[in-house]
Amino acid sequence: METGQIAALVGGIAMLVILWPIARRLGSSGAPVLRWAVLWAAVLAGVLALYSLVLAPMGVGLR
């Protein structure tokens, strides 16, 4: 891994550590809309992390 990738990975992990309690509280609040919003935000963040950390360095680009 290159330095930029490691920095992005550490930054992403730090962001998850900071936002986890908020997401957990929203997810358990009982409102289905908030649960789905948290779920979709997590999926989107995972896809973006996968692209930026794995696919982009391999040369797979968005067209």
C-alpha atoms as a PDB file:
ATOM      1  CA  MET A   1       0.000   0.000   0.000  1.00  0.00           C
ATOM      2  CA  GLU A   2       1.110   3.492  -0.673  1.00  0.00           C
ATOM      3  CA  THR A   3       1.203   6.295   1.854  1.00  0.00           C
ATOM      4  CA  GLY A   4      -1.974   7.911   0.547  1.00  0.00           C
ATOM      5  CA  GLN A   5      -3.880   4.649   0.783  1.00  0.00           C
ATOM      6  CA  ILE A   6      -2.724   4.059   4.343  1.00  0.00           C
ATOM      7  CA  ALA A   7      -3.702   7.609   5.299  1.00  0.00           C
ATOM      8  CA  ALA A   8      -7.144   7.120   3.733  1.00  0.00           C
ATOM      9  CA  LEU A   9      -7.587   3.816   5.539  1.00  0.00           C
ATOM     10  CA  VAL A  10      -6.594   5.301   8.910  1.00  0.00           C
ATOM     11  CA  GLY A  11      -8.832   8.312   8.278  1.00  0.00           C
ATOM     12  CA  GLY A  12     -11.756   6.077   7.384  1.00  0.00           C
ATOM     13  CA  ILE A  13     -11.288   3.980  10.497  1.00  0.00           C
ATOM     14  CA  ALA A  14     -11.073   7.119  12.636  1.00  0.00           C
ATOM     15  CA  MET A  15     -14.278   8.424  11.072  1.00  0.00           C
ATOM     16  CA  LEU A  16     -16.042   5.134  11.810  1.00  0.00           C
ATOM     17  CA  VAL A  17     -14.881   5.208  15.425  1.00  0.00           C
ATOM     18  CA  ILE A  18     -16.185   8.753  15.818  1.00  0.00           C
ATOM     19  CA  LEU A  19     -19.511   8.187  14.039  1.00  0.00           C
ATOM     20  CA  TRP A  20     -20.309   4.664  15.324  1.00  0.00           C
ATOM     21  CA  PRO A  21     -22.115   5.769  18.532  1.00  0.00           C
ATOM     22  CA  ILE A  22     -24.271   8.229  16.594  1.00  0.00           C
ATOM     23  CA  ALA A  23     -25.170   5.642  13.954  1.00  0.00           C
ATOM     24  CA  ARG A  24     -25.928   3.048  16.599  1.00  0.00           C
ATOM     25  CA  ARG A  25     -28.201   5.457  18.485  1.00  0.00           C
ATOM     26  CA  LEU A  26     -30.045   6.424  15.280  1.00  0.00           C
ATOM     27  CA  GLY A  27     -30.378   2.784  14.244  1.00  0.00           C
ATOM     28  CA  SER A  28     -31.904   1.739  17.533  1.00  0.00           C
ATOM     29  CA  SER A  29     -34.244   4.711  17.824  1.00  0.00           C
ATOM     30  CA  GLY A  30     -37.183   2.753  16.459  1.00  0.00           C
ATOM     31  CA  ALA A  31     -37.793   4.944  13.410  1.00  0.00           C
ATOM     32  CA  PRO A  32     -37.525   2.770  10.287  1.00  0.00           C
ATOM     33  CA  VAL A  33     -36.565   5.726   8.097  1.00  0.00           C
ATOM     34  CA  LEU A  34     -33.553   6.501  10.278  1.00  0.00           C
ATOM     35  CA  ARG A  35     -32.542   2.832  10.286  1.00  0.00           C
ATOM     36  CA  TRP A  36     -32.655   2.680   6.498  1.00  0.00           C
ATOM     37  CA  ALA A  37     -30.784   5.987   6.206  1.00  0.00           C
ATOM     38  CA  VAL A  38     -28.001   4.682   8.447  1.00  0.00           C
ATOM     39  CA  LEU A  39     -27.875   1.413   6.505  1.00  0.00           C
ATOM     40  CA  TRP A  40     -27.668   3.167   3.126  1.00  0.00           C
ATOM     41  CA  ALA A  41     -25.013   5.574   4.398  1.00  0.00           C
ATOM     42  CA  ALA A  42     -22.932   2.619   5.616  1.00  0.00           C
ATOM     43  CA  VAL A  43     -23.293   0.808   2.287  1.00  0.00           C
ATOM     44  CA  LEU A  44     -22.358   3.928   0.335  1.00  0.00           C
ATOM     45  CA  ALA A  45     -19.324   4.544   2.540  1.00  0.00           C
ATOM     46  CA  GLY A  46     -18.235   0.926   2.048  1.00  0.00           C
ATOM     47  CA  VAL A  47     -18.524   1.145  -1.725  1.00  0.00           C
ATOM     48  CA  LEU A  48     -16.601   4.412  -1.818  1.00  0.00           C
ATOM     49  CA  ALA A  49     -13.883   2.966   0.417  1.00  0.00           C
ATOM     50  CA  LEU A  50     -13.658  -0.140  -1.773  1.00  0.00           C
ATOM     51  CA  TYR A  51     -13.266   1.972  -4.877  1.00  0.00           C
ATOM     52  CA  SER A  52     -10.760   4.437  -3.480  1.00  0.00           C
ATOM     53  CA  LEU A  53      -8.602   1.879  -1.670  1.00  0.00           C
ATOM     54  CA  VAL A  54      -8.749  -1.118  -4.015  1.00  0.00           C
ATOM     55  CA  LEU A  55     -10.149  -0.429  -7.451  1.00  0.00           C
ATOM     56  CA  ALA A  56      -8.702   3.014  -8.222  1.00  0.00           C
ATOM     57  CA  PRO A  57      -5.085   1.971  -7.513  1.00  0.00           C
ATOM     58  CA  MET A  58      -5.581  -1.043  -9.808  1.00  0.00           C
ATOM     59  CA  GLY A  59      -6.521   1.299 -12.630  1.00  0.00           C
ATOM     60  CA  VAL A  60     -10.229   0.528 -12.681  1.00  0.00           C
ATOM     61  CA  GLY A  61     -11.878   3.868 -13.383  1.00  0.00           C
ATOM     62  CA  LEU A  62     -15.393   5.197 -13.488  1.00  0.00           C
ATOM     63  CA  ARG A  63     -16.536   6.039 -16.995  1.00  0.00           C
END
